N, C-alpha and C. Protein backbone atom coordinates (compact mmCIF):
# COMPACT_ATOMS: atom_id res chain seq x y z
N MET A 1 8.00 -3.08 -6.28
CA MET A 1 7.01 -2.79 -7.27
C MET A 1 7.61 -1.82 -8.28
N MET A 2 7.44 -2.09 -9.56
CA MET A 2 7.97 -1.23 -10.61
C MET A 2 7.05 -0.04 -10.82
N ARG A 3 7.63 1.16 -10.82
CA ARG A 3 6.86 2.37 -11.10
C ARG A 3 6.92 2.65 -12.59
N ILE A 4 5.80 3.08 -13.15
CA ILE A 4 5.69 3.35 -14.57
C ILE A 4 5.56 4.86 -14.75
N GLU A 5 6.47 5.48 -15.51
CA GLU A 5 6.41 6.92 -15.73
C GLU A 5 5.64 7.22 -17.01
N VAL A 6 4.61 8.04 -16.89
CA VAL A 6 3.80 8.45 -18.04
C VAL A 6 3.44 9.92 -17.84
N SER A 7 2.76 10.50 -18.82
CA SER A 7 2.36 11.90 -18.69
C SER A 7 1.31 12.04 -17.58
N MET A 8 1.17 13.27 -17.12
CA MET A 8 0.18 13.53 -16.06
C MET A 8 -1.23 13.22 -16.56
N ALA A 9 -1.52 13.55 -17.81
CA ALA A 9 -2.86 13.26 -18.36
C ALA A 9 -3.11 11.76 -18.39
N ASP A 10 -2.10 10.99 -18.80
CA ASP A 10 -2.24 9.53 -18.81
C ASP A 10 -2.42 9.00 -17.40
N THR A 11 -1.65 9.56 -16.46
CA THR A 11 -1.77 9.12 -15.07
C THR A 11 -3.16 9.41 -14.53
N CYS A 12 -3.67 10.61 -14.82
CA CYS A 12 -5.01 10.97 -14.34
C CYS A 12 -6.08 10.07 -14.95
N ALA A 13 -5.96 9.79 -16.23
CA ALA A 13 -6.94 8.91 -16.89
C ALA A 13 -6.87 7.51 -16.31
N SER A 14 -5.66 7.00 -16.12
CA SER A 14 -5.50 5.66 -15.54
C SER A 14 -6.02 5.62 -14.11
N ALA A 15 -5.69 6.65 -13.34
CA ALA A 15 -6.13 6.71 -11.94
C ALA A 15 -7.65 6.75 -11.86
N ALA A 16 -8.28 7.51 -12.75
CA ALA A 16 -9.74 7.59 -12.75
C ALA A 16 -10.36 6.23 -13.00
N GLY A 17 -9.82 5.48 -13.94
CA GLY A 17 -10.33 4.14 -14.22
C GLY A 17 -10.14 3.19 -13.05
N ILE A 18 -8.96 3.24 -12.45
CA ILE A 18 -8.66 2.37 -11.31
C ILE A 18 -9.56 2.73 -10.12
N MET A 19 -9.69 4.02 -9.84
CA MET A 19 -10.50 4.43 -8.69
C MET A 19 -11.98 4.16 -8.93
N ARG A 20 -12.43 4.26 -10.16
CA ARG A 20 -13.82 3.91 -10.48
C ARG A 20 -14.05 2.43 -10.16
N GLU A 21 -13.11 1.58 -10.59
CA GLU A 21 -13.26 0.15 -10.30
C GLU A 21 -13.17 -0.12 -8.80
N MET A 22 -12.31 0.62 -8.09
CA MET A 22 -12.23 0.47 -6.64
C MET A 22 -13.59 0.74 -6.00
N GLY A 23 -14.27 1.79 -6.47
CA GLY A 23 -15.59 2.12 -5.94
C GLY A 23 -16.59 1.01 -6.19
N GLU A 24 -16.54 0.44 -7.39
CA GLU A 24 -17.46 -0.66 -7.73
C GLU A 24 -17.19 -1.88 -6.87
N VAL A 25 -15.91 -2.21 -6.69
CA VAL A 25 -15.55 -3.37 -5.88
C VAL A 25 -15.91 -3.13 -4.41
N ALA A 26 -15.70 -1.92 -3.92
CA ALA A 26 -16.06 -1.60 -2.54
C ALA A 26 -17.57 -1.74 -2.33
N LEU A 27 -18.35 -1.32 -3.31
CA LEU A 27 -19.81 -1.48 -3.22
C LEU A 27 -20.18 -2.96 -3.18
N LEU A 28 -19.55 -3.76 -4.03
CA LEU A 28 -19.80 -5.20 -4.02
C LEU A 28 -19.42 -5.81 -2.67
N LEU A 29 -18.32 -5.35 -2.11
CA LEU A 29 -17.86 -5.84 -0.82
C LEU A 29 -18.90 -5.57 0.27
N THR A 30 -19.48 -4.39 0.26
CA THR A 30 -20.46 -4.06 1.31
C THR A 30 -21.78 -4.78 1.12
N THR A 31 -22.11 -5.14 -0.11
CA THR A 31 -23.39 -5.81 -0.36
C THR A 31 -23.29 -7.33 -0.36
N ASN A 32 -22.07 -7.86 -0.40
CA ASN A 32 -21.89 -9.31 -0.41
C ASN A 32 -20.70 -9.69 0.48
N PRO A 33 -20.88 -9.61 1.79
CA PRO A 33 -19.77 -9.88 2.70
C PRO A 33 -19.25 -11.32 2.64
N LEU A 34 -20.03 -12.24 2.10
CA LEU A 34 -19.55 -13.63 2.00
C LEU A 34 -18.38 -13.75 1.03
N ALA A 35 -18.27 -12.81 0.11
CA ALA A 35 -17.17 -12.82 -0.86
C ALA A 35 -16.11 -11.78 -0.49
N ALA A 36 -16.07 -11.38 0.77
CA ALA A 36 -15.17 -10.31 1.20
C ALA A 36 -13.72 -10.58 0.84
N SER A 37 -13.28 -11.80 0.99
CA SER A 37 -11.88 -12.13 0.70
C SER A 37 -11.55 -11.89 -0.77
N THR A 38 -12.44 -12.30 -1.65
CA THR A 38 -12.24 -12.10 -3.09
C THR A 38 -12.19 -10.62 -3.43
N TYR A 39 -13.13 -9.85 -2.87
CA TYR A 39 -13.16 -8.42 -3.14
C TYR A 39 -11.95 -7.71 -2.54
N ALA A 40 -11.53 -8.15 -1.35
CA ALA A 40 -10.34 -7.57 -0.74
C ALA A 40 -9.11 -7.83 -1.60
N ASP A 41 -9.01 -9.03 -2.16
CA ASP A 41 -7.89 -9.34 -3.05
C ASP A 41 -7.89 -8.43 -4.27
N ARG A 42 -9.07 -8.19 -4.85
CA ARG A 42 -9.15 -7.33 -6.03
C ARG A 42 -8.80 -5.88 -5.67
N LEU A 43 -9.29 -5.42 -4.52
CA LEU A 43 -8.94 -4.07 -4.08
C LEU A 43 -7.43 -3.94 -3.86
N ASP A 44 -6.83 -4.99 -3.34
CA ASP A 44 -5.39 -4.99 -3.13
C ASP A 44 -4.65 -4.87 -4.46
N GLU A 45 -5.11 -5.60 -5.48
CA GLU A 45 -4.51 -5.51 -6.81
C GLU A 45 -4.65 -4.09 -7.38
N LEU A 46 -5.84 -3.54 -7.25
CA LEU A 46 -6.09 -2.19 -7.76
C LEU A 46 -5.25 -1.15 -7.02
N SER A 47 -5.09 -1.34 -5.72
CA SER A 47 -4.26 -0.45 -4.93
C SER A 47 -2.82 -0.48 -5.43
N GLY A 48 -2.33 -1.67 -5.75
CA GLY A 48 -0.99 -1.80 -6.29
C GLY A 48 -0.84 -1.13 -7.65
N GLU A 49 -1.87 -1.25 -8.49
CA GLU A 49 -1.85 -0.59 -9.80
C GLU A 49 -1.80 0.93 -9.63
N LEU A 50 -2.57 1.43 -8.68
CA LEU A 50 -2.60 2.87 -8.44
C LEU A 50 -1.24 3.35 -7.93
N GLU A 51 -0.67 2.59 -7.03
CA GLU A 51 0.63 2.96 -6.46
C GLU A 51 1.73 2.94 -7.52
N ALA A 52 1.60 2.10 -8.53
CA ALA A 52 2.62 1.98 -9.57
C ALA A 52 2.62 3.15 -10.55
N LEU A 53 1.55 3.94 -10.55
CA LEU A 53 1.49 5.09 -11.46
C LEU A 53 2.46 6.17 -10.99
N ASP A 54 3.11 6.84 -11.94
CA ASP A 54 4.05 7.91 -11.62
C ASP A 54 3.90 9.01 -12.66
N SER A 55 3.44 10.16 -12.23
CA SER A 55 3.15 11.25 -13.16
C SER A 55 4.26 12.29 -13.24
N ARG A 56 5.23 12.21 -12.37
CA ARG A 56 6.26 13.23 -12.21
C ARG A 56 5.70 14.51 -11.60
N ASP A 57 4.50 14.45 -11.06
CA ASP A 57 3.91 15.58 -10.35
C ASP A 57 3.82 15.18 -8.88
N ALA A 58 4.54 15.88 -8.03
CA ALA A 58 4.64 15.49 -6.62
C ALA A 58 3.28 15.45 -5.92
N ASP A 59 2.43 16.45 -6.18
CA ASP A 59 1.12 16.48 -5.52
C ASP A 59 0.25 15.31 -5.94
N LEU A 60 0.22 15.04 -7.24
CA LEU A 60 -0.59 13.92 -7.73
C LEU A 60 -0.04 12.59 -7.22
N ASP A 61 1.28 12.43 -7.29
CA ASP A 61 1.87 11.17 -6.81
C ASP A 61 1.60 10.96 -5.32
N ALA A 62 1.67 12.03 -4.53
CA ALA A 62 1.38 11.91 -3.09
C ALA A 62 -0.08 11.53 -2.87
N ALA A 63 -0.98 12.14 -3.63
CA ALA A 63 -2.41 11.82 -3.49
C ALA A 63 -2.69 10.38 -3.89
N LEU A 64 -2.06 9.91 -4.98
CA LEU A 64 -2.24 8.52 -5.41
C LEU A 64 -1.73 7.56 -4.34
N ASP A 65 -0.57 7.87 -3.77
CA ASP A 65 -0.02 7.03 -2.71
C ASP A 65 -0.93 7.03 -1.49
N ASP A 66 -1.52 8.19 -1.17
CA ASP A 66 -2.44 8.26 -0.02
C ASP A 66 -3.69 7.41 -0.25
N VAL A 67 -4.23 7.44 -1.48
CA VAL A 67 -5.39 6.59 -1.79
C VAL A 67 -5.00 5.13 -1.64
N SER A 68 -3.86 4.77 -2.21
CA SER A 68 -3.40 3.38 -2.15
C SER A 68 -3.22 2.92 -0.71
N MET A 69 -2.58 3.76 0.11
CA MET A 69 -2.37 3.39 1.52
C MET A 69 -3.70 3.30 2.27
N GLY A 70 -4.62 4.22 1.97
CA GLY A 70 -5.93 4.20 2.63
C GLY A 70 -6.70 2.94 2.30
N VAL A 71 -6.70 2.58 1.04
CA VAL A 71 -7.40 1.36 0.62
C VAL A 71 -6.73 0.14 1.24
N SER A 72 -5.40 0.13 1.27
CA SER A 72 -4.69 -1.00 1.88
C SER A 72 -5.04 -1.13 3.36
N GLY A 73 -5.18 0.00 4.04
CA GLY A 73 -5.58 -0.03 5.44
C GLY A 73 -6.97 -0.62 5.63
N LEU A 74 -7.88 -0.25 4.74
CA LEU A 74 -9.24 -0.80 4.81
C LEU A 74 -9.26 -2.29 4.50
N ILE A 75 -8.41 -2.72 3.58
CA ILE A 75 -8.31 -4.14 3.25
C ILE A 75 -7.86 -4.93 4.48
N GLU A 76 -6.91 -4.38 5.22
CA GLU A 76 -6.44 -5.05 6.43
C GLU A 76 -7.57 -5.21 7.44
N VAL A 77 -8.42 -4.21 7.56
CA VAL A 77 -9.57 -4.30 8.47
C VAL A 77 -10.48 -5.44 8.03
N VAL A 78 -10.75 -5.52 6.73
CA VAL A 78 -11.62 -6.59 6.21
C VAL A 78 -11.00 -7.95 6.51
N ARG A 79 -9.71 -8.07 6.32
CA ARG A 79 -9.05 -9.36 6.53
C ARG A 79 -8.94 -9.73 8.00
N ASN A 80 -8.75 -8.75 8.88
CA ASN A 80 -8.57 -9.03 10.31
C ASN A 80 -9.89 -9.19 11.05
N ARG A 81 -10.89 -8.43 10.66
CA ARG A 81 -12.25 -8.51 11.22
C ARG A 81 -12.33 -8.40 12.73
N GLY A 82 -11.33 -7.88 13.37
CA GLY A 82 -11.40 -7.71 14.82
C GLY A 82 -12.13 -6.44 15.18
N SER A 83 -12.74 -6.41 16.35
CA SER A 83 -13.49 -5.22 16.77
C SER A 83 -12.56 -4.02 16.94
N ASP A 84 -11.31 -4.27 17.34
CA ASP A 84 -10.34 -3.18 17.46
C ASP A 84 -10.06 -2.59 16.09
N ALA A 85 -9.95 -3.44 15.09
CA ALA A 85 -9.68 -2.97 13.73
C ALA A 85 -10.84 -2.14 13.21
N LEU A 86 -12.06 -2.54 13.55
CA LEU A 86 -13.24 -1.83 13.06
C LEU A 86 -13.31 -0.40 13.59
N SER A 87 -12.72 -0.15 14.74
CA SER A 87 -12.79 1.19 15.32
C SER A 87 -12.05 2.23 14.48
N VAL A 88 -11.12 1.81 13.64
CA VAL A 88 -10.37 2.75 12.81
C VAL A 88 -11.03 3.02 11.46
N VAL A 89 -12.09 2.27 11.15
CA VAL A 89 -12.73 2.39 9.83
C VAL A 89 -13.21 3.80 9.51
N PRO A 90 -13.96 4.47 10.40
CA PRO A 90 -14.45 5.80 10.03
C PRO A 90 -13.32 6.78 9.68
N GLU A 91 -12.28 6.80 10.49
CA GLU A 91 -11.15 7.70 10.22
C GLU A 91 -10.43 7.30 8.94
N GLN A 92 -10.24 6.00 8.74
CA GLN A 92 -9.56 5.51 7.54
C GLN A 92 -10.35 5.85 6.29
N VAL A 93 -11.67 5.69 6.35
CA VAL A 93 -12.52 6.03 5.20
C VAL A 93 -12.44 7.53 4.92
N ALA A 94 -12.50 8.34 5.96
CA ALA A 94 -12.43 9.80 5.78
C ALA A 94 -11.11 10.22 5.14
N LYS A 95 -10.01 9.66 5.62
CA LYS A 95 -8.70 9.99 5.05
C LYS A 95 -8.61 9.55 3.59
N THR A 96 -9.16 8.39 3.30
CA THR A 96 -9.13 7.88 1.92
C THR A 96 -10.00 8.74 1.01
N GLN A 97 -11.15 9.17 1.52
CA GLN A 97 -12.01 10.06 0.73
C GLN A 97 -11.31 11.37 0.43
N LEU A 98 -10.60 11.92 1.40
CA LEU A 98 -9.84 13.15 1.17
C LEU A 98 -8.75 12.93 0.13
N ALA A 99 -8.12 11.77 0.17
CA ALA A 99 -7.09 11.46 -0.83
C ALA A 99 -7.70 11.34 -2.22
N PHE A 100 -8.88 10.73 -2.32
CA PHE A 100 -9.59 10.66 -3.61
C PHE A 100 -9.84 12.07 -4.13
N MET A 101 -10.28 12.97 -3.24
CA MET A 101 -10.55 14.34 -3.64
C MET A 101 -9.27 15.05 -4.06
N ALA A 102 -8.15 14.76 -3.40
CA ALA A 102 -6.87 15.36 -3.76
C ALA A 102 -6.44 14.93 -5.16
N VAL A 103 -6.69 13.66 -5.50
CA VAL A 103 -6.39 13.19 -6.86
C VAL A 103 -7.24 13.98 -7.85
N GLY A 104 -8.53 14.13 -7.54
CA GLY A 104 -9.42 14.89 -8.42
C GLY A 104 -8.94 16.32 -8.60
N SER A 105 -8.52 16.95 -7.51
CA SER A 105 -8.02 18.33 -7.60
C SER A 105 -6.75 18.42 -8.43
N ALA A 106 -5.85 17.46 -8.23
CA ALA A 106 -4.59 17.47 -8.98
C ALA A 106 -4.83 17.24 -10.47
N CYS A 107 -5.86 16.48 -10.79
CA CYS A 107 -6.15 16.15 -12.19
C CYS A 107 -7.12 17.13 -12.85
N GLU A 108 -7.71 18.01 -12.05
CA GLU A 108 -8.69 18.95 -12.60
C GLU A 108 -8.05 19.79 -13.71
N GLY A 109 -8.68 19.81 -14.84
CA GLY A 109 -8.17 20.57 -15.97
C GLY A 109 -7.20 19.80 -16.85
N VAL A 110 -6.68 18.69 -16.35
CA VAL A 110 -5.73 17.89 -17.13
C VAL A 110 -6.48 16.94 -18.05
N VAL A 111 -7.53 16.29 -17.51
CA VAL A 111 -8.32 15.34 -18.28
C VAL A 111 -9.76 15.82 -18.28
N ARG A 112 -10.33 15.94 -19.43
CA ARG A 112 -11.74 16.36 -19.52
C ARG A 112 -12.49 15.37 -20.35
């Protein structure tokens, strides 16, 4: 995957847009499980877009990678649908939420 280097402000703005769409798609996924595969595919695309961002700030880049990995882990649960996979959902969601918050903290004051 090609990484794109941009300013931290640009990275924060792009990340905010991507994560906002991730939230919308996740909501659609929970309310329409019949289309789970389609929503999982879109989340996977968004996760890749997030991972491709590079701000040259180690904390922000680590937080973006953590969000991307967390979302990818949740996508795998949706695709596998096994009861064993479901047992990791609460922890995976919590870790991903913390990563979302870390992105917010890293971007605080950069984009208003």
